[in-house]
Amino acid sequence: MVRKLSPIVFALLLFAPLLQAQTGRSSLSVNATGVFGKNSSGNNNNGDNSDYQTVFTSPTKSVGFLATYRYSVNAKSAVELNYGITRNTTYYTVNDTTTGGQLYYNIQANVHEATADYVYKPIKIGRLSPFLLAGGGVLIYSPTGQSYGTSSQERQSKPAFLYGGGADYHVFRNLSLRMQYRGLLYKAPDFGVTSLTSNTMTHTAEPSFGLVFHF
C-alpha cells in the first residue's frame, strides 16, 4: 500500500519542512478518522429513460488516517494540504427495470484523499482556537482485488468538494489537540464498471481527533 501512495503525499512531506524552517508558521497534524459514507441511488440510463437500471450504493463504515500540513498566512487565515487513507467496501444492488431482477456486487478498495483547503480562524478563546475550512481535491479508489460479482474493476479518481470545521486546544508550547468534522461531496464511484454507474452525488462524513505539532 505504501508504494502506491500518490506523489502528492511525498510532495507534502518534502515541502512542509522547508516552509516551516523559513517562517515558523507551520504545523503538522496526525489524526484518526471515522469514515461514514452515505447510501445513494441513481440510474445508469445516461439520458435514455426507456431502458435503464437503478443502482443502489452502500459503502461500509471504516477507520482511517489523516495527515495535514497547515501554513498560517496571518492570525485568521491559513491554507492546508491533506492526505488521508482508509479501506472500505462498497456494496451495489442493481435493479433491472426491464426484467425486474436484482444483481448484487461488492468491491473493496483503499481510498486515498489528496485535498487542499482554506482555513478561517475567527476567534481565539483562551487555549481554544476554532476554525472553519473549505476546499477540494480528489479521492482515489484503488481496488484490493477482493470483490464479488465483477472482476473488471479498475482504479478510479473522483473530484471532491471539502468543507468542515473544528477546534484546536493548545496544550503545550508546540502541541495542540484537534477535534474536527470534515465532509466530502463527490460522485459515487463505479470502478469503471458500466452497470454500477449511478450518476449521482454522494457524501462522506469524517469526524476526527488528533495531535498538532507546531513548528
C-alpha atoms as a PDB file:
ATOM      1  CA  MET A   1       0.000   0.000   0.000  1.00  0.00           C
ATOM      2  CA  VAL A   2       2.787   2.424   0.911  1.00  0.00           C
ATOM      3  CA  ARG A   3       4.421   2.008  -2.508  1.00  0.00           C
ATOM      4  CA  LYS A   4       1.198   3.130  -4.180  1.00  0.00           C
ATOM      5  CA  LEU A   5       0.859   6.435  -2.321  1.00  0.00           C
ATOM      6  CA  SER A   6       0.178   9.442  -4.515  1.00  0.00           C
ATOM      7  CA  PRO A   7       3.121  11.705  -5.438  1.00  0.00           C
ATOM      8  CA  ILE A   8       1.137  14.468  -3.706  1.00  0.00           C
ATOM      9  CA  VAL A   9       1.847  12.758  -0.389  1.00  0.00           C
ATOM     10  CA  PHE A  10       5.594  12.823  -0.944  1.00  0.00           C
ATOM     11  CA  ALA A  11       5.400  16.448  -2.064  1.00  0.00           C
ATOM     12  CA  LEU A  12       3.604  17.244   1.194  1.00  0.00           C
ATOM     13  CA  LEU A  13       6.257  15.543   3.298  1.00  0.00           C
ATOM     14  CA  LEU A  14       9.118  17.229   1.446  1.00  0.00           C
ATOM     15  CA  PHE A  15       7.600  20.684   1.094  1.00  0.00           C
ATOM     16  CA  ALA A  16       6.265  21.177   4.603  1.00  0.00           C
ATOM     17  CA  PRO A  17       9.628  21.132   6.461  1.00  0.00           C
ATOM     18  CA  LEU A  18      11.050  23.693   4.018  1.00  0.00           C
ATOM     19  CA  LEU A  19       8.241  26.145   4.700  1.00  0.00           C
ATOM     20  CA  GLN A  20       8.289  25.762   8.442  1.00  0.00           C
ATOM     21  CA  ALA A  21      12.064  26.188   8.561  1.00  0.00           C
ATOM     22  CA  GLN A  22      11.734  29.570   6.853  1.00  0.00           C
ATOM     23  CA  THR A  23       8.716  31.072   8.572  1.00  0.00           C
ATOM     24  CA  GLY A  24       7.799  29.284  11.821  1.00  0.00           C
ATOM     25  CA  ARG A  25       4.126  29.495  10.829  1.00  0.00           C
ATOM     26  CA  SER A  26       3.672  25.799  10.126  1.00  0.00           C
ATOM     27  CA  SER A  27       2.028  22.863  11.836  1.00  0.00           C
ATOM     28  CA  LEU A  28       1.644  19.176  11.091  1.00  0.00           C
ATOM     29  CA  SER A  29      -1.251  17.142  12.448  1.00  0.00           C
ATOM     30  CA  VAL A  30      -1.858  13.406  12.571  1.00  0.00           C
ATOM     31  CA  ASN A  31      -5.432  12.287  13.055  1.00  0.00           C
ATOM     32  CA  ALA A  32      -7.554   9.188  13.440  1.00  0.00           C
ATOM     33  CA  THR A  33     -10.786   9.486  11.452  1.00  0.00           C
ATOM     34  CA  GLY A  34     -14.132   7.792  11.328  1.00  0.00           C
ATOM     35  CA  VAL A  35     -15.349   7.412   7.737  1.00  0.00           C
ATOM     36  CA  PHE A  36     -19.113   7.311   7.267  1.00  0.00           C
ATOM     37  CA  GLY A  37     -20.230   7.139   3.646  1.00  0.00           C
ATOM     38  CA  LYS A  38     -23.813   7.935   2.699  1.00  0.00           C
ATOM     39  CA  ASN A  39     -26.034   5.437   0.901  1.00  0.00           C
ATOM     40  CA  SER A  40     -27.072   6.716  -2.515  1.00  0.00           C
ATOM     41  CA  SER A  41     -29.065   5.662  -5.550  1.00  0.00           C
ATOM     42  CA  GLY A  42     -29.430   6.681  -9.167  1.00  0.00           C
ATOM     43  CA  ASN A  43     -29.763   5.208 -12.629  1.00  0.00           C
ATOM     44  CA  ASN A  44     -27.334   4.463 -15.427  1.00  0.00           C
ATOM     45  CA  ASN A  45     -29.577   5.370 -18.349  1.00  0.00           C
ATOM     46  CA  ASN A  46     -27.290   8.253 -19.425  1.00  0.00           C
ATOM     47  CA  GLY A  47     -30.326  10.192 -20.620  1.00  0.00           C
ATOM     48  CA  ASP A  48     -32.277   7.292 -22.161  1.00  0.00           C
ATOM     49  CA  ASN A  49     -35.362   6.803 -19.987  1.00  0.00           C
ATOM     50  CA  SER A  50     -36.678   3.856 -21.987  1.00  0.00           C
ATOM     51  CA  ASP A  51     -34.257   1.269 -20.638  1.00  0.00           C
ATOM     52  CA  TYR A  52     -32.176   1.690 -17.507  1.00  0.00           C
ATOM     53  CA  GLN A  53     -31.037   0.094 -14.277  1.00  0.00           C
ATOM     54  CA  THR A  54     -31.374   1.623 -10.828  1.00  0.00           C
ATOM     55  CA  VAL A  55     -28.147   1.341  -8.840  1.00  0.00           C
ATOM     56  CA  PHE A  56     -28.141   1.458  -5.029  1.00  0.00           C
ATOM     57  CA  THR A  57     -24.718   2.152  -3.476  1.00  0.00           C
ATOM     58  CA  SER A  58     -23.826   1.461   0.171  1.00  0.00           C
ATOM     59  CA  PRO A  59     -20.244   1.916   1.499  1.00  0.00           C
ATOM     60  CA  THR A  60     -19.199   0.313   4.771  1.00  0.00           C
ATOM     61  CA  LYS A  61     -18.103   2.390   7.759  1.00  0.00           C
ATOM     62  CA  SER A  62     -14.361   2.407   8.388  1.00  0.00           C
ATOM     63  CA  VAL A  63     -11.491   3.943  10.337  1.00  0.00           C
ATOM     64  CA  GLY A  64      -8.831   5.993   8.581  1.00  0.00           C
ATOM     65  CA  PHE A  65      -5.721   8.129   8.953  1.00  0.00           C
ATOM     66  CA  LEU A  66      -5.382  11.805   8.060  1.00  0.00           C
ATOM     67  CA  ALA A  67      -2.197  13.912   7.898  1.00  0.00           C
ATOM     68  CA  THR A  68      -2.458  17.684   7.460  1.00  0.00           C
ATOM     69  CA  TYR A  69       0.148  20.357   6.864  1.00  0.00           C
ATOM     70  CA  ARG A  70      -1.110  23.877   7.732  1.00  0.00           C
ATOM     71  CA  TYR A  71       0.578  27.151   6.873  1.00  0.00           C
ATOM     72  CA  SER A  72      -0.728  30.253   8.674  1.00  0.00           C
ATOM     73  CA  VAL A  73      -0.858  33.295   6.419  1.00  0.00           C
ATOM     74  CA  ASN A  74      -1.913  35.547   9.314  1.00  0.00           C
ATOM     75  CA  ALA A  75      -3.763  35.306  12.628  1.00  0.00           C
ATOM     76  CA  LYS A  76      -7.096  34.466  10.985  1.00  0.00           C
ATOM     77  CA  SER A  77      -6.184  32.731   7.705  1.00  0.00           C
ATOM     78  CA  ALA A  78      -4.316  29.565   6.804  1.00  0.00           C
ATOM     79  CA  VAL A  79      -4.005  27.065   3.974  1.00  0.00           C
ATOM     80  CA  GLU A  80      -3.758  23.290   4.279  1.00  0.00           C
ATOM     81  CA  LEU A  81      -2.607  20.233   2.363  1.00  0.00           C
ATOM     82  CA  ASN A  82      -4.211  16.938   3.387  1.00  0.00           C
ATOM     83  CA  TYR A  83      -3.554  13.281   2.786  1.00  0.00           C
ATOM     84  CA  GLY A  84      -5.926  10.622   4.090  1.00  0.00           C
ATOM     85  CA  ILE A  85      -6.366   6.892   3.662  1.00  0.00           C
ATOM     86  CA  THR A  86      -8.943   4.302   4.616  1.00  0.00           C
ATOM     87  CA  ARG A  87     -10.111   0.915   3.369  1.00  0.00           C
ATOM     88  CA  ASN A  88     -13.757   0.028   2.912  1.00  0.00           C
ATOM     89  CA  THR A  89     -16.146  -1.995   0.783  1.00  0.00           C
ATOM     90  CA  THR A  90     -18.835  -0.567  -1.466  1.00  0.00           C
ATOM     91  CA  TYR A  91     -21.956  -2.709  -1.910  1.00  0.00           C
ATOM     92  CA  TYR A  92     -24.105  -2.357  -5.015  1.00  0.00           C
ATOM     93  CA  THR A  93     -27.649  -3.514  -5.673  1.00  0.00           C
ATOM     94  CA  VAL A  94     -28.687  -3.195  -9.317  1.00  0.00           C
ATOM     95  CA  ASN A  95     -32.413  -3.297 -10.164  1.00  0.00           C
ATOM     96  CA  ASP A  96     -33.118  -4.085 -13.812  1.00  0.00           C
ATOM     97  CA  THR A  97     -36.280  -2.191 -14.750  1.00  0.00           C
ATOM     98  CA  THR A  98     -36.793  -4.404 -17.819  1.00  0.00           C
ATOM     99  CA  THR A  99     -36.671  -7.827 -16.166  1.00  0.00           C
ATOM    100  CA  GLY A 100     -37.473  -6.791 -12.590  1.00  0.00           C
ATOM    101  CA  GLY A 101     -34.472  -8.766 -11.335  1.00  0.00           C
ATOM    102  CA  GLN A 102     -31.712  -7.733  -8.945  1.00  0.00           C
ATOM    103  CA  LEU A 103     -27.954  -8.191  -9.101  1.00  0.00           C
ATOM    104  CA  TYR A 104     -25.539  -7.775  -6.196  1.00  0.00           C
ATOM    105  CA  TYR A 105     -21.905  -6.687  -6.234  1.00  0.00           C
ATOM    106  CA  ASN A 106     -19.271  -5.523  -3.761  1.00  0.00           C
ATOM    107  CA  ILE A 107     -15.806  -4.063  -4.258  1.00  0.00           C
ATOM    108  CA  GLN A 108     -13.188  -3.497  -1.557  1.00  0.00           C
ATOM    109  CA  ALA A 109     -10.771  -0.611  -2.102  1.00  0.00           C
ATOM    110  CA  ASN A 110      -8.158   1.555  -0.469  1.00  0.00           C
ATOM    111  CA  VAL A 111      -9.426   5.135  -0.639  1.00  0.00           C
ATOM    112  CA  HIS A 112      -6.753   7.845  -0.790  1.00  0.00           C
ATOM    113  CA  GLU A 113      -7.621  11.506  -0.229  1.00  0.00           C
ATOM    114  CA  ALA A 114      -5.472  14.341  -1.601  1.00  0.00           C
ATOM    115  CA  THR A 115      -7.025  17.737  -0.868  1.00  0.00           C
ATOM    116  CA  ALA A 116      -6.185  21.377  -0.193  1.00  0.00           C
ATOM    117  CA  ASP A 117      -8.289  23.934   1.650  1.00  0.00           C
ATOM    118  CA  TYR A 118      -8.547  27.427   3.073  1.00  0.00           C
ATOM    119  CA  VAL A 119      -8.903  27.764   6.861  1.00  0.00           C
ATOM    120  CA  TYR A 120     -10.614  30.682   8.605  1.00  0.00           C
ATOM    121  CA  LYS A 121      -9.903  31.170  12.316  1.00  0.00           C
ATOM    122  CA  PRO A 122     -12.463  33.740  13.527  1.00  0.00           C
ATOM    123  CA  ILE A 123     -11.536  33.981  17.206  1.00  0.00           C
ATOM    124  CA  LYS A 124      -9.296  32.600  19.922  1.00  0.00           C
ATOM    125  CA  ILE A 125     -10.783  31.860  23.343  1.00  0.00           C
ATOM    126  CA  GLY A 126      -8.057  31.149  25.870  1.00  0.00           C
ATOM    127  CA  ARG A 127      -6.394  27.920  24.752  1.00  0.00           C
ATOM    128  CA  LEU A 128      -9.169  27.146  22.267  1.00  0.00           C
ATOM    129  CA  SER A 129      -8.909  28.107  18.572  1.00  0.00           C
ATOM    130  CA  PRO A 130     -11.996  27.240  16.497  1.00  0.00           C
ATOM    131  CA  PHE A 131     -11.784  27.182  12.704  1.00  0.00           C
ATOM    132  CA  LEU A 132     -13.787  26.662   9.512  1.00  0.00           C
ATOM    133  CA  LEU A 133     -12.425  25.190   6.286  1.00  0.00           C
ATOM    134  CA  ALA A 134     -13.400  24.759   2.641  1.00  0.00           C
ATOM    135  CA  GLY A 135     -11.542  23.405  -0.364  1.00  0.00           C
ATOM    136  CA  GLY A 136     -11.336  20.477  -2.714  1.00  0.00           C
ATOM    137  CA  GLY A 137      -9.226  17.781  -4.268  1.00  0.00           C
ATOM    138  CA  VAL A 138      -9.545  14.175  -5.322  1.00  0.00           C
ATOM    139  CA  LEU A 139     -10.468  10.772  -3.892  1.00  0.00           C
ATOM    140  CA  ILE A 140      -8.533   7.887  -5.427  1.00  0.00           C
ATOM    141  CA  TYR A 141     -10.136   4.431  -5.242  1.00  0.00           C
ATOM    142  CA  SER A 142      -7.657   1.543  -5.568  1.00  0.00           C
ATOM    143  CA  PRO A 143      -9.356  -1.895  -5.599  1.00  0.00           C
ATOM    144  CA  THR A 144      -7.679  -4.517  -3.430  1.00  0.00           C
ATOM    145  CA  GLY A 145      -8.832  -7.432  -5.596  1.00  0.00           C
ATOM    146  CA  GLN A 146     -11.440  -8.509  -3.035  1.00  0.00           C
ATOM    147  CA  SER A 147     -14.788  -8.308  -4.817  1.00  0.00           C
ATOM    148  CA  TYR A 148     -17.973 -10.180  -5.578  1.00  0.00           C
ATOM    149  CA  GLY A 149     -19.866 -10.152  -8.860  1.00  0.00           C
ATOM    150  CA  THR A 150     -17.251  -8.452 -11.022  1.00  0.00           C
ATOM    151  CA  SER A 151     -13.567  -8.881 -11.851  1.00  0.00           C
ATOM    152  CA  SER A 152     -13.235  -5.889 -14.183  1.00  0.00           C
ATOM    153  CA  GLN A 153     -12.979  -3.090 -11.613  1.00  0.00           C
ATOM    154  CA  GLU A 154     -10.229  -0.518 -12.073  1.00  0.00           C
ATOM    155  CA  ARG A 155      -8.552   2.310 -10.148  1.00  0.00           C
ATOM    156  CA  GLN A 156     -10.637   5.456 -10.266  1.00  0.00           C
ATOM    157  CA  SER A 157     -10.298   9.116  -9.232  1.00  0.00           C
ATOM    158  CA  LYS A 158     -13.238  11.287  -8.165  1.00  0.00           C
ATOM    159  CA  PRO A 159     -13.050  15.100  -7.754  1.00  0.00           C
ATOM    160  CA  ALA A 160     -14.374  16.125  -4.342  1.00  0.00           C
ATOM    161  CA  PHE A 161     -15.539  19.273  -2.554  1.00  0.00           C
ATOM    162  CA  LEU A 162     -14.322  19.536   1.039  1.00  0.00           C
ATOM    163  CA  TYR A 163     -15.852  21.522   3.912  1.00  0.00           C
ATOM    164  CA  GLY A 164     -15.728  21.369   7.677  1.00  0.00           C
ATOM    165  CA  GLY A 165     -14.830  22.911  10.980  1.00  0.00           C
ATOM    166  CA  GLY A 166     -13.308  22.169  14.347  1.00  0.00           C
ATOM    167  CA  ALA A 167     -11.080  23.493  17.080  1.00  0.00           C
ATOM    168  CA  ASP A 168      -7.503  23.220  18.344  1.00  0.00           C
ATOM    169  CA  TYR A 169      -6.857  23.130  22.072  1.00  0.00           C
ATOM    170  CA  HIS A 170      -3.367  24.371  22.953  1.00  0.00           C
ATOM    171  CA  VAL A 171      -1.718  22.035  25.492  1.00  0.00           C
ATOM    172  CA  PHE A 172       1.971  22.899  25.393  1.00  0.00           C
ATOM    173  CA  ARG A 173       4.131  25.374  23.504  1.00  0.00           C
ATOM    174  CA  ASN A 174       4.396  23.208  20.398  1.00  0.00           C
ATOM    175  CA  LEU A 175       1.498  20.796  20.880  1.00  0.00           C
ATOM    176  CA  SER A 176      -2.273  21.041  20.478  1.00  0.00           C
ATOM    177  CA  LEU A 177      -5.202  18.653  20.397  1.00  0.00           C
ATOM    178  CA  ARG A 178      -7.504  18.843  17.380  1.00  0.00           C
ATOM    179  CA  MET A 179     -11.133  17.814  17.049  1.00  0.00           C
ATOM    180  CA  GLN A 180     -12.843  18.425  13.734  1.00  0.00           C
ATOM    181  CA  TYR A 181     -15.580  17.408  11.342  1.00  0.00           C
ATOM    182  CA  ARG A 182     -14.904  17.170   7.608  1.00  0.00           C
ATOM    183  CA  GLY A 183     -17.412  16.489   4.852  1.00  0.00           C
ATOM    184  CA  LEU A 184     -16.617  15.332   1.308  1.00  0.00           C
ATOM    185  CA  LEU A 185     -19.085  15.683  -1.576  1.00  0.00           C
ATOM    186  CA  TYR A 186     -18.320  13.717  -4.772  1.00  0.00           C
ATOM    187  CA  LYS A 187     -19.783  11.487  -7.474  1.00  0.00           C
ATOM    188  CA  ALA A 188     -20.369   7.874  -6.381  1.00  0.00           C
ATOM    189  CA  PRO A 189     -17.619   5.525  -7.654  1.00  0.00           C
ATOM    190  CA  ASP A 190     -18.358   2.760 -10.171  1.00  0.00           C
ATOM    191  CA  PHE A 191     -14.778   1.450 -10.608  1.00  0.00           C
ATOM    192  CA  GLY A 192     -15.127   1.626 -14.382  1.00  0.00           C
ATOM    193  CA  VAL A 193     -17.954  -0.948 -14.420  1.00  0.00           C
ATOM    194  CA  THR A 194     -20.763   0.468 -16.563  1.00  0.00           C
ATOM    195  CA  SER A 195     -23.530  -1.468 -14.826  1.00  0.00           C
ATOM    196  CA  LEU A 196     -22.516   0.084 -11.469  1.00  0.00           C
ATOM    197  CA  THR A 197     -22.726   3.699 -12.655  1.00  0.00           C
ATOM    198  CA  SER A 198     -25.372   5.565 -10.650  1.00  0.00           C
ATOM    199  CA  ASN A 199     -24.765   9.100 -11.988  1.00  0.00           C
ATOM    200  CA  THR A 200     -25.411  10.535  -8.539  1.00  0.00           C
ATOM    201  CA  MET A 201     -23.597  12.619  -5.957  1.00  0.00           C
ATOM    202  CA  THR A 202     -22.825  11.158  -2.566  1.00  0.00           C
ATOM    203  CA  HIS A 203     -21.298  12.323   0.733  1.00  0.00           C
ATOM    204  CA  THR A 204     -18.794  11.076   3.290  1.00  0.00           C
ATOM    205  CA  ALA A 205     -18.668  12.403   6.859  1.00  0.00           C
ATOM    206  CA  GLU A 206     -15.291  12.310   8.622  1.00  0.00           C
ATOM    207  CA  PRO A 207     -15.127  13.203  12.308  1.00  0.00           C
ATOM    208  CA  SER A 208     -11.534  13.099  13.512  1.00  0.00           C
ATOM    209  CA  PHE A 209      -9.314  13.562  16.532  1.00  0.00           C
ATOM    210  CA  GLY A 210      -5.552  14.061  16.593  1.00  0.00           C
ATOM    211  CA  LEU A 211      -2.376  15.828  17.639  1.00  0.00           C
ATOM    212  CA  VAL A 212      -0.986  19.026  16.160  1.00  0.00           C
ATOM    213  CA  PHE A 213       2.746  19.765  16.206  1.00  0.00           C
ATOM    214  CA  HIS A 214       3.644  23.442  15.747  1.00  0.00           C
ATOM    215  CA  PHE A 215       6.978  24.496  14.220  1.00  0.00           C
END
